[in-house]
Amino acid sequence: MFTNQDFEIFNDQTLAGRMRLIKTVIDPKFEQLAPTIITSLQTPGKPAFYAHVAKHLRRFKNPPVDTWVAFSQNKRSYKAWPHFELGLWPDRLFIYFDILDECKPAVQARMRLTDLAPLLTALPADYVISNNHGVPSTQPATPAHIMQAIQKFDQYKHSELVVGRAVLAGDPLFEDADMLNRLIITTFKQLLPIYQPVMAAVSAEREP
C-alpha cells in the first residue's frame, strides 16, 4: 500500500507531472483502500459513507501541495459536511476528521464544540490537532491544545477543526503495509465517536 516512495511524487514541480503521478500512483491506492475504510465507518441503520478522491480541478498553474480521499455521508460532496480524510503532504500521511469552513456555520448553530472536549481528550497520546486543514503543521492533541483549538474555532471566522493521526515520511510503518493499514482503520474508528454528534447536529440544522 503506501510506501516512502509515494512521497517522491511531490518532487515533480510541474502541474502536469505531479497530476499524472497522483492519478497513477496515489489515487489507485486511495480507491483500493476506500471500501475497507467505508466498512469500518458504517453504522447499521445510518446513511452510507461515500469516498471522494480529490480531483484538483481548480489547479491551472501550480501543482497540488497535498492530495487526499475524503469520506462523507453526502454522495455528492464533502467539504460542507463533517468528514474524514486520508491523504499525503510531502512529509506525512494524515488520517483526520475535519470540520471545514463550509461546514462550520451548521455546527455552531446546533452544538457547542466544548461538548466534544471529553471525547477529544480521551484520544490516544499520539493524536494531533489543528485549526487549518490547508497547512501540514499540527500540535499534539494535549488537553491544553485541544481547548485552545476549540476556543479558536469558536472565536475566529475562518478557524477550522482538524484532529487525527499523522505518520511522518520515513516512519518504519511504511515498510509494513498491514500494520499501516490497521493503524489507518483504527484511527478512523477512534474518531467516529467525535464525528457522530457533529454529524447529528449538522443533519438537524439542515432538516426542512
Foldseek 3Di string as FASTA:
>chain_A
DFALCLLCLVVDWWQVSSLVSCVPPPVVVCVVLVVVLQVLLDDPPDAGKDKAWDPPVVDDTTHDQKTWIKIDSDHPDPQLAFIWIWIDGSWKTWTKTKNFLNNLVLLVVFDQCVVCLVLLQPDDQQKWKFFDPVDDDTHGSHSVVVVVLSVCSVPDNGTMIMMWHIDTRPDCVSVPVVVVSVRNSVGSNSCSVVRVVSRVSSVVSPDD
